[in-house]
Amino acid sequence: MEVICLQEEAFYQLVEQVVDRLKEKQNITQDKWISPERTMEILNIKSKTTLQKLRDKGSVAFTQPQKKIILYDYDSIIKYLNKHSKKLF
């Protein structure tokens, strides 16, 4: 058995490449859970308070795997945007 040693940076680059390849094979183009920063970018909001209000109202789905970590469901954000879009004539 051969042992391969990698520097930390090379290891994480390899992991990212493997994840990207798996996503490509499975036709996954978007992560299910996204960060608050990415959520705010998609919704075009600047305030964390506004994001908190959306959570409190149940407008967007979220998970809280740890006390200070909150992730948002990408699909629910898209549903929220579609629900509030104006139809063309």
PDB file of N, CA and C in Angstrom:
ATOM      1  N   MET A   1       0.839  -1.176   0.000  1.00  0.00           N
ATOM      2  CA  MET A   1       0.000   0.000   0.000  1.00  0.00           C
ATOM      3  C   MET A   1       0.886   1.242   0.000  1.00  0.00           C
ATOM      4  N   GLU A   2       0.516   2.202  -0.823  1.00  0.00           N
ATOM      5  CA  GLU A   2       1.265   3.444  -0.923  1.00  0.00           C
ATOM      6  C   GLU A   2       0.566   4.539  -0.121  1.00  0.00           C
ATOM      7  N   VAL A   3       1.322   5.371   0.521  1.00  0.00           N
ATOM      8  CA  VAL A   3       0.783   6.505   1.252  1.00  0.00           C
ATOM      9  C   VAL A   3       1.097   7.764   0.459  1.00  0.00           C
ATOM     10  N   ILE A   4       0.082   8.576   0.252  1.00  0.00           N
ATOM     11  CA  ILE A   4       0.260   9.829  -0.484  1.00  0.00           C
ATOM     12  C   ILE A   4       0.053  10.977   0.483  1.00  0.00           C
ATOM     13  N   CYS A   5       1.005  11.864   0.539  1.00  0.00           N
ATOM     14  CA  CYS A   5       0.913  13.036   1.408  1.00  0.00           C
ATOM     15  C   CYS A   5       0.621  14.267   0.557  1.00  0.00           C
ATOM     16  N   LEU A   6      -0.293  15.086   1.041  1.00  0.00           N
ATOM     17  CA  LEU A   6      -0.648  16.326   0.348  1.00  0.00           C
ATOM     18  C   LEU A   6      -0.565  17.485   1.324  1.00  0.00           C
ATOM     19  N   GLN A   7      -0.197  18.628   0.787  1.00  0.00           N
ATOM     20  CA  GLN A   7      -0.270  19.830   1.607  1.00  0.00           C
ATOM     21  C   GLN A   7      -1.747  20.174   1.799  1.00  0.00           C
ATOM     22  N   GLU A   8      -2.038  20.906   2.845  1.00  0.00           N
ATOM     23  CA  GLU A   8      -3.429  21.217   3.181  1.00  0.00           C
ATOM     24  C   GLU A   8      -4.165  21.887   2.015  1.00  0.00           C
ATOM     25  N   GLU A   9      -3.554  22.870   1.396  1.00  0.00           N
ATOM     26  CA  GLU A   9      -4.189  23.586   0.287  1.00  0.00           C
ATOM     27  C   GLU A   9      -4.481  22.647  -0.885  1.00  0.00           C
ATOM     28  N   ALA A  10      -3.537  21.783  -1.203  1.00  0.00           N
ATOM     29  CA  ALA A  10      -3.729  20.824  -2.302  1.00  0.00           C
ATOM     30  C   ALA A  10      -4.855  19.848  -1.970  1.00  0.00           C
ATOM     31  N   PHE A  11      -4.935  19.441  -0.711  1.00  0.00           N
ATOM     32  CA  PHE A  11      -6.001  18.528  -0.288  1.00  0.00           C
ATOM     33  C   PHE A  11      -7.377  19.152  -0.501  1.00  0.00           C
ATOM     34  N   TYR A  12      -7.546  20.403  -0.073  1.00  0.00           N
ATOM     35  CA  TYR A  12      -8.851  21.054  -0.210  1.00  0.00           C
ATOM     36  C   TYR A  12      -9.197  21.330  -1.671  1.00  0.00           C
ATOM     37  N   GLN A  13      -8.209  21.613  -2.480  1.00  0.00           N
ATOM     38  CA  GLN A  13      -8.461  21.772  -3.915  1.00  0.00           C
ATOM     39  C   GLN A  13      -8.940  20.460  -4.521  1.00  0.00           C
ATOM     40  N   LEU A  14      -8.338  19.365  -4.107  1.00  0.00           N
ATOM     41  CA  LEU A  14      -8.744  18.043  -4.585  1.00  0.00           C
ATOM     42  C   LEU A  14     -10.176  17.733  -4.166  1.00  0.00           C
ATOM     43  N   VAL A  15     -10.499  18.029  -2.927  1.00  0.00           N
ATOM     44  CA  VAL A  15     -11.863  17.790  -2.435  1.00  0.00           C
ATOM     45  C   VAL A  15     -12.867  18.611  -3.241  1.00  0.00           C
ATOM     46  N   GLU A  16     -12.560  19.870  -3.505  1.00  0.00           N
ATOM     47  CA  GLU A  16     -13.453  20.716  -4.300  1.00  0.00           C
ATOM     48  C   GLU A  16     -13.650  20.153  -5.703  1.00  0.00           C
ATOM     49  N   GLN A  17     -12.580  19.652  -6.295  1.00  0.00           N
ATOM     50  CA  GLN A  17     -12.678  19.068  -7.633  1.00  0.00           C
ATOM     51  C   GLN A  17     -13.558  17.821  -7.621  1.00  0.00           C
ATOM     52  N   VAL A  18     -13.424  17.008  -6.595  1.00  0.00           N
ATOM     53  CA  VAL A  18     -14.248  15.796  -6.484  1.00  0.00           C
ATOM     54  C   VAL A  18     -15.718  16.182  -6.323  1.00  0.00           C
ATOM     55  N   VAL A  19     -16.008  17.145  -5.470  1.00  0.00           N
ATOM     56  CA  VAL A  19     -17.383  17.599  -5.259  1.00  0.00           C
ATOM     57  C   VAL A  19     -17.955  18.163  -6.559  1.00  0.00           C
ATOM     58  N   ASP A  20     -17.184  18.981  -7.251  1.00  0.00           N
ATOM     59  CA  ASP A  20     -17.646  19.546  -8.529  1.00  0.00           C
ATOM     60  C   ASP A  20     -17.943  18.449  -9.545  1.00  0.00           C
ATOM     61  N   ARG A  21     -17.090  17.447  -9.601  1.00  0.00           N
ATOM     62  CA  ARG A  21     -17.296  16.353 -10.552  1.00  0.00           C
ATOM     63  C   ARG A  21     -18.544  15.550 -10.196  1.00  0.00           C
ATOM     64  N   LEU A  22     -18.766  15.315  -8.913  1.00  0.00           N
ATOM     65  CA  LEU A  22     -19.969  14.595  -8.484  1.00  0.00           C
ATOM     66  C   LEU A  22     -21.229  15.388  -8.814  1.00  0.00           C
ATOM     67  N   LYS A  23     -21.188  16.685  -8.580  1.00  0.00           N
ATOM     68  CA  LYS A  23     -22.338  17.535  -8.913  1.00  0.00           C
ATOM     69  C   LYS A  23     -22.611  17.494 -10.413  1.00  0.00           C
ATOM     70  N   GLU A  24     -21.552  17.539 -11.202  1.00  0.00           N
ATOM     71  CA  GLU A  24     -21.694  17.502 -12.650  1.00  0.00           C
ATOM     72  C   GLU A  24     -22.312  16.176 -13.097  1.00  0.00           C
ATOM     73  N   LYS A  25     -21.851  15.081 -12.520  1.00  0.00           N
ATOM     74  CA  LYS A  25     -22.384  13.761 -12.880  1.00  0.00           C
ATOM     75  C   LYS A  25     -23.851  13.620 -12.496  1.00  0.00           C
ATOM     76  N   GLN A  26     -24.238  14.210 -11.382  1.00  0.00           N
ATOM     77  CA  GLN A  26     -25.612  14.109 -10.886  1.00  0.00           C
ATOM     78  C   GLN A  26     -26.502  15.239 -11.401  1.00  0.00           C
ATOM     79  N   ASN A  27     -25.967  16.089 -12.255  1.00  0.00           N
ATOM     80  CA  ASN A  27     -26.691  17.260 -12.779  1.00  0.00           C
ATOM     81  C   ASN A  27     -27.191  18.176 -11.667  1.00  0.00           C
ATOM     82  N   ILE A  28     -26.388  18.352 -10.654  1.00  0.00           N
ATOM     83  CA  ILE A  28     -26.723  19.266  -9.565  1.00  0.00           C
ATOM     84  C   ILE A  28     -26.028  20.584  -9.865  1.00  0.00           C
ATOM     85  N   THR A  29     -26.813  21.626 -10.060  1.00  0.00           N
ATOM     86  CA  THR A  29     -26.218  22.906 -10.420  1.00  0.00           C
ATOM     87  C   THR A  29     -26.208  23.890  -9.255  1.00  0.00           C
ATOM     88  N   GLN A  30     -26.983  23.610  -8.228  1.00  0.00           N
ATOM     89  CA  GLN A  30     -27.087  24.541  -7.113  1.00  0.00           C
ATOM     90  C   GLN A  30     -27.120  23.759  -5.802  1.00  0.00           C
ATOM     91  N   ASP A  31     -26.429  24.270  -4.784  1.00  0.00           N
ATOM     92  CA  ASP A  31     -26.496  23.654  -3.465  1.00  0.00           C
ATOM     93  C   ASP A  31     -27.896  23.822  -2.893  1.00  0.00           C
ATOM     94  N   LYS A  32     -28.353  22.837  -2.133  1.00  0.00           N
ATOM     95  CA  LYS A  32     -29.674  22.911  -1.507  1.00  0.00           C
ATOM     96  C   LYS A  32     -29.687  23.997  -0.429  1.00  0.00           C
ATOM     97  N   TRP A  33     -28.666  24.038   0.391  1.00  0.00           N
ATOM     98  CA  TRP A  33     -28.600  24.996   1.496  1.00  0.00           C
ATOM     99  C   TRP A  33     -27.526  26.030   1.200  1.00  0.00           C
ATOM    100  N   ILE A  34     -27.891  27.307   1.346  1.00  0.00           N
ATOM    101  CA  ILE A  34     -26.944  28.378   1.031  1.00  0.00           C
ATOM    102  C   ILE A  34     -26.784  29.318   2.228  1.00  0.00           C
ATOM    103  N   SER A  35     -25.713  30.073   2.209  1.00  0.00           N
ATOM    104  CA  SER A  35     -25.353  30.963   3.312  1.00  0.00           C
ATOM    105  C   SER A  35     -26.283  32.181   3.375  1.00  0.00           C
ATOM    106  N   PRO A  36     -26.323  32.834   4.530  1.00  0.00           N
ATOM    107  CA  PRO A  36     -27.118  34.065   4.649  1.00  0.00           C
ATOM    108  C   PRO A  36     -26.653  35.143   3.659  1.00  0.00           C
ATOM    109  N   GLU A  37     -25.346  35.238   3.451  1.00  0.00           N
ATOM    110  CA  GLU A  37     -24.815  36.247   2.535  1.00  0.00           C
ATOM    111  C   GLU A  37     -25.307  36.001   1.106  1.00  0.00           C
ATOM    112  N   ARG A  38     -25.277  34.740   0.678  1.00  0.00           N
ATOM    113  CA  ARG A  38     -25.738  34.391  -0.674  1.00  0.00           C
ATOM    114  C   ARG A  38     -27.250  34.606  -0.771  1.00  0.00           C
ATOM    115  N   THR A  39     -27.974  34.294   0.291  1.00  0.00           N
ATOM    116  CA  THR A  39     -29.428  34.498   0.325  1.00  0.00           C
ATOM    117  C   THR A  39     -29.759  35.974   0.162  1.00  0.00           C
ATOM    118  N   MET A  40     -29.052  36.819   0.895  1.00  0.00           N
ATOM    119  CA  MET A  40     -29.280  38.258   0.808  1.00  0.00           C
ATOM    120  C   MET A  40     -28.952  38.774  -0.590  1.00  0.00           C
ATOM    121  N   GLU A  41     -27.920  38.217  -1.196  1.00  0.00           N
ATOM    122  CA  GLU A  41     -27.541  38.616  -2.553  1.00  0.00           C
ATOM    123  C   GLU A  41     -28.656  38.252  -3.546  1.00  0.00           C
ATOM    124  N   ILE A  42     -29.179  37.037  -3.450  1.00  0.00           N
ATOM    125  CA  ILE A  42     -30.234  36.587  -4.358  1.00  0.00           C
ATOM    126  C   ILE A  42     -31.500  37.429  -4.186  1.00  0.00           C
ATOM    127  N   LEU A  43     -31.850  37.718  -2.931  1.00  0.00           N
ATOM    128  CA  LEU A  43     -33.060  38.493  -2.646  1.00  0.00           C
ATOM    129  C   LEU A  43     -32.844  39.993  -2.809  1.00  0.00           C
ATOM    130  N   ASN A  44     -31.604  40.394  -3.023  1.00  0.00           N
ATOM    131  CA  ASN A  44     -31.239  41.796  -3.172  1.00  0.00           C
ATOM    132  C   ASN A  44     -31.646  42.618  -1.947  1.00  0.00           C
ATOM    133  N   ILE A  45     -31.324  42.073  -0.771  1.00  0.00           N
ATOM    134  CA  ILE A  45     -31.572  42.807   0.470  1.00  0.00           C
ATOM    135  C   ILE A  45     -30.228  43.075   1.142  1.00  0.00           C
ATOM    136  N   LYS A  46     -30.171  44.149   1.886  1.00  0.00           N
ATOM    137  CA  LYS A  46     -28.915  44.564   2.518  1.00  0.00           C
ATOM    138  C   LYS A  46     -28.905  44.319   4.025  1.00  0.00           C
ATOM    139  N   SER A  47     -30.089  44.163   4.612  1.00  0.00           N
ATOM    140  CA  SER A  47     -30.214  44.109   6.059  1.00  0.00           C
ATOM    141  C   SER A  47     -30.424  42.685   6.569  1.00  0.00           C
ATOM    142  N   LYS A  48     -29.657  42.310   7.585  1.00  0.00           N
ATOM    143  CA  LYS A  48     -29.853  41.014   8.227  1.00  0.00           C
ATOM    144  C   LYS A  48     -31.190  40.982   8.966  1.00  0.00           C
ATOM    145  N   THR A  49     -31.665  42.154   9.367  1.00  0.00           N
ATOM    146  CA  THR A  49     -32.959  42.241  10.037  1.00  0.00           C
ATOM    147  C   THR A  49     -34.089  41.836   9.094  1.00  0.00           C
ATOM    148  N   THR A  50     -34.002  42.254   7.841  1.00  0.00           N
ATOM    149  CA  THR A  50     -35.000  41.871   6.850  1.00  0.00           C
ATOM    150  C   THR A  50     -34.987  40.364   6.649  1.00  0.00           C
ATOM    151  N   LEU A  51     -33.813  39.786   6.607  1.00  0.00           N
ATOM    152  CA  LEU A  51     -33.685  38.339   6.467  1.00  0.00           C
ATOM    153  C   LEU A  51     -34.296  37.632   7.679  1.00  0.00           C
ATOM    154  N   GLN A  52     -34.073  38.180   8.856  1.00  0.00           N
ATOM    155  CA  GLN A  52     -34.653  37.640  10.091  1.00  0.00           C
ATOM    156  C   GLN A  52     -36.183  37.679  10.023  1.00  0.00           C
ATOM    157  N   LYS A  53     -36.746  38.778   9.515  1.00  0.00           N
ATOM    158  CA  LYS A  53     -38.201  38.900   9.388  1.00  0.00           C
ATOM    159  C   LYS A  53     -38.761  37.846   8.441  1.00  0.00           C
ATOM    160  N   LEU A  54     -38.060  37.578   7.344  1.00  0.00           N
ATOM    161  CA  LEU A  54     -38.503  36.546   6.402  1.00  0.00           C
ATOM    162  C   LEU A  54     -38.504  35.169   7.077  1.00  0.00           C
ATOM    163  N   ARG A  55     -37.513  34.921   7.920  1.00  0.00           N
ATOM    164  CA  ARG A  55     -37.455  33.670   8.686  1.00  0.00           C
ATOM    165  C   ARG A  55     -38.608  33.594   9.668  1.00  0.00           C
ATOM    166  N   ASP A  56     -38.827  34.681  10.407  1.00  0.00           N
ATOM    167  CA  ASP A  56     -39.869  34.704  11.431  1.00  0.00           C
ATOM    168  C   ASP A  56     -41.268  34.496  10.850  1.00  0.00           C
ATOM    169  N   LYS A  57     -41.511  35.058   9.664  1.00  0.00           N
ATOM    170  CA  LYS A  57     -42.816  34.918   8.999  1.00  0.00           C
ATOM    171  C   LYS A  57     -42.991  33.547   8.353  1.00  0.00           C
ATOM    172  N   GLY A  58     -41.897  32.815   8.189  1.00  0.00           N
ATOM    173  CA  GLY A  58     -41.957  31.531   7.506  1.00  0.00           C
ATOM    174  C   GLY A  58     -41.956  31.689   5.994  1.00  0.00           C
ATOM    175  N   SER A  59     -41.474  32.817   5.516  1.00  0.00           N
ATOM    176  CA  SER A  59     -41.453  33.085   4.074  1.00  0.00           C
ATOM    177  C   SER A  59     -40.397  32.266   3.350  1.00  0.00           C
ATOM    178  N   VAL A  60     -39.293  31.989   4.022  1.00  0.00           N
ATOM    179  CA  VAL A  60     -38.235  31.169   3.437  1.00  0.00           C
ATOM    180  C   VAL A  60     -37.854  30.076   4.438  1.00  0.00           C
ATOM    181  N   ALA A  61     -37.590  28.886   3.912  1.00  0.00           N
ATOM    182  CA  ALA A  61     -37.197  27.761   4.762  1.00  0.00           C
ATOM    183  C   ALA A  61     -35.726  27.888   5.143  1.00  0.00           C
ATOM    184  N   PHE A  62     -35.417  27.457   6.355  1.00  0.00           N
ATOM    185  CA  PHE A  62     -34.034  27.508   6.815  1.00  0.00           C
ATOM    186  C   PHE A  62     -33.756  26.346   7.753  1.00  0.00           C
ATOM    187  N   THR A  63     -32.495  26.089   7.971  1.00  0.00           N
ATOM    188  CA  THR A  63     -32.069  25.092   8.941  1.00  0.00           C
ATOM    189  C   THR A  63     -31.013  25.733   9.830  1.00  0.00           C
ATOM    190  N   GLN A  64     -30.936  25.246  11.046  1.00  0.00           N
ATOM    191  CA  GLN A  64     -29.961  25.783  11.986  1.00  0.00           C
ATOM    192  C   GLN A  64     -29.213  24.601  12.616  1.00  0.00           C
ATOM    193  N   PRO A  65     -28.183  24.082  11.913  1.00  0.00           N
ATOM    194  CA  PRO A  65     -27.473  22.916  12.406  1.00  0.00           C
ATOM    195  C   PRO A  65     -26.667  23.174  13.683  1.00  0.00           C
ATOM    196  N   GLN A  66     -26.292  24.411  13.912  1.00  0.00           N
ATOM    197  CA  GLN A  66     -25.606  24.808  15.141  1.00  0.00           C
ATOM    198  C   GLN A  66     -26.161  26.165  15.562  1.00  0.00           C
ATOM    199  N   LYS A  67     -25.902  26.530  16.799  1.00  0.00           N
ATOM    200  CA  LYS A  67     -26.505  27.746  17.355  1.00  0.00           C
ATOM    201  C   LYS A  67     -26.313  28.988  16.487  1.00  0.00           C
ATOM    202  N   LYS A  68     -25.117  29.217  15.983  1.00  0.00           N
ATOM    203  CA  LYS A  68     -24.852  30.447  15.226  1.00  0.00           C
ATOM    204  C   LYS A  68     -24.769  30.229  13.718  1.00  0.00           C
ATOM    205  N   ILE A  69     -25.141  29.039  13.260  1.00  0.00           N
ATOM    206  CA  ILE A  69     -25.088  28.748  11.832  1.00  0.00           C
ATOM    207  C   ILE A  69     -26.510  28.561  11.307  1.00  0.00           C
ATOM    208  N   ILE A  70     -26.894  29.425  10.377  1.00  0.00           N
ATOM    209  CA  ILE A  70     -28.204  29.339   9.744  1.00  0.00           C
ATOM    210  C   ILE A  70     -27.978  29.239   8.244  1.00  0.00           C
ATOM    211  N   LEU A  71     -28.625  28.257   7.630  1.00  0.00           N
ATOM    212  CA  LEU A  71     -28.551  28.075   6.185  1.00  0.00           C
ATOM    213  C   LEU A  71     -29.956  28.135   5.611  1.00  0.00           C
ATOM    214  N   TYR A  72     -30.074  28.621   4.387  1.00  0.00           N
ATOM    215  CA  TYR A  72     -31.376  28.832   3.760  1.00  0.00           C
ATOM    216  C   TYR A  72     -31.587  27.884   2.592  1.00  0.00           C
ATOM    217  N   ASP A  73     -32.822  27.425   2.430  1.00  0.00           N
ATOM    218  CA  ASP A  73     -33.181  26.519   1.354  1.00  0.00           C
ATOM    219  C   ASP A  73     -33.308  27.298   0.047  1.00  0.00           C
ATOM    220  N   TYR A  74     -32.453  26.961  -0.905  1.00  0.00           N
ATOM    221  CA  TYR A  74     -32.421  27.662  -2.185  1.00  0.00           C
ATOM    222  C   TYR A  74     -33.786  27.614  -2.881  1.00  0.00           C
ATOM    223  N   ASP A  75     -34.421  26.444  -2.888  1.00  0.00           N
ATOM    224  CA  ASP A  75     -35.705  26.297  -3.578  1.00  0.00           C
ATOM    225  C   ASP A  75     -36.789  27.196  -2.967  1.00  0.00           C
ATOM    226  N   SER A  76     -36.781  27.335  -1.647  1.00  0.00           N
ATOM    227  CA  SER A  76     -37.797  28.183  -1.014  1.00  0.00           C
ATOM    228  C   SER A  76     -37.564  29.663  -1.330  1.00  0.00           C
ATOM    229  N   ILE A  77     -36.323  30.049  -1.533  1.00  0.00           N
ATOM    230  CA  ILE A  77     -36.016  31.434  -1.915  1.00  0.00           C
ATOM    231  C   ILE A  77     -36.545  31.712  -3.318  1.00  0.00           C
ATOM    232  N   ILE A  78     -36.333  30.764  -4.223  1.00  0.00           N
ATOM    233  CA  ILE A  78     -36.837  30.917  -5.591  1.00  0.00           C
ATOM    234  C   ILE A  78     -38.371  30.944  -5.583  1.00  0.00           C
ATOM    235  N   LYS A  79     -39.006  30.098  -4.767  1.00  0.00           N
ATOM    236  CA  LYS A  79     -40.473  30.110  -4.650  1.00  0.00           C
ATOM    237  C   LYS A  79     -40.956  31.467  -4.143  1.00  0.00           C
ATOM    238  N   TYR A  80     -40.258  32.010  -3.156  1.00  0.00           N
ATOM    239  CA  TYR A  80     -40.619  33.317  -2.603  1.00  0.00           C
ATOM    240  C   TYR A  80     -40.543  34.392  -3.686  1.00  0.00           C
ATOM    241  N   LEU A  81     -39.478  34.372  -4.469  1.00  0.00           N
ATOM    242  CA  LEU A  81     -39.337  35.351  -5.554  1.00  0.00           C
ATOM    243  C   LEU A  81     -40.438  35.174  -6.601  1.00  0.00           C
ATOM    244  N   ASN A  82     -40.721  33.942  -6.967  1.00  0.00           N
ATOM    245  CA  ASN A  82     -41.779  33.688  -7.962  1.00  0.00           C
ATOM    246  C   ASN A  82     -43.150  34.103  -7.440  1.00  0.00           C
ATOM    247  N   LYS A  83     -43.391  33.868  -6.153  1.00  0.00           N
ATOM    248  CA  LYS A  83     -44.672  34.235  -5.547  1.00  0.00           C
ATOM    249  C   LYS A  83     -44.889  35.751  -5.601  1.00  0.00           C
ATOM    250  N   HIS A  84     -43.822  36.506  -5.495  1.00  0.00           N
ATOM    251  CA  HIS A  84     -43.923  37.949  -5.450  1.00  0.00           C
ATOM    252  C   HIS A  84     -43.629  38.619  -6.812  1.00  0.00           C
ATOM    253  N   SER A  85     -43.517  37.811  -7.851  1.00  0.00           N
ATOM    254  CA  SER A  85     -43.270  38.400  -9.173  1.00  0.00           C
ATOM    255  C   SER A  85     -44.576  38.863  -9.777  1.00  0.00           C
ATOM    256  N   LYS A  86     -44.481  39.851 -10.612  1.00  0.00           N
ATOM    257  CA  LYS A  86     -45.659  40.402 -11.303  1.00  0.00           C
ATOM    258  C   LYS A  86     -45.795  39.737 -12.653  1.00  0.00           C
ATOM    259  N   LYS A  87     -47.017  39.352 -12.977  1.00  0.00           N
ATOM    260  CA  LYS A  87     -47.275  38.694 -14.255  1.00  0.00           C
ATOM    261  C   LYS A  87     -47.322  39.741 -15.380  1.00  0.00           C
ATOM    262  N   LEU A  88     -46.862  39.328 -16.547  1.00  0.00           N
ATOM    263  CA  LEU A  88     -46.912  40.205 -17.712  1.00  0.00           C
ATOM    264  C   LEU A  88     -48.328  40.204 -18.275  1.00  0.00           C
ATOM    265  N   PHE A  89     -48.673  41.247 -18.992  1.00  0.00           N
ATOM    266  CA  PHE A  89     -50.003  41.359 -19.576  1.00  0.00           C
ATOM    267  C   PHE A  89     -50.133  40.477 -20.773  1.00  0.00           C
TER     268      PHE A  89
END
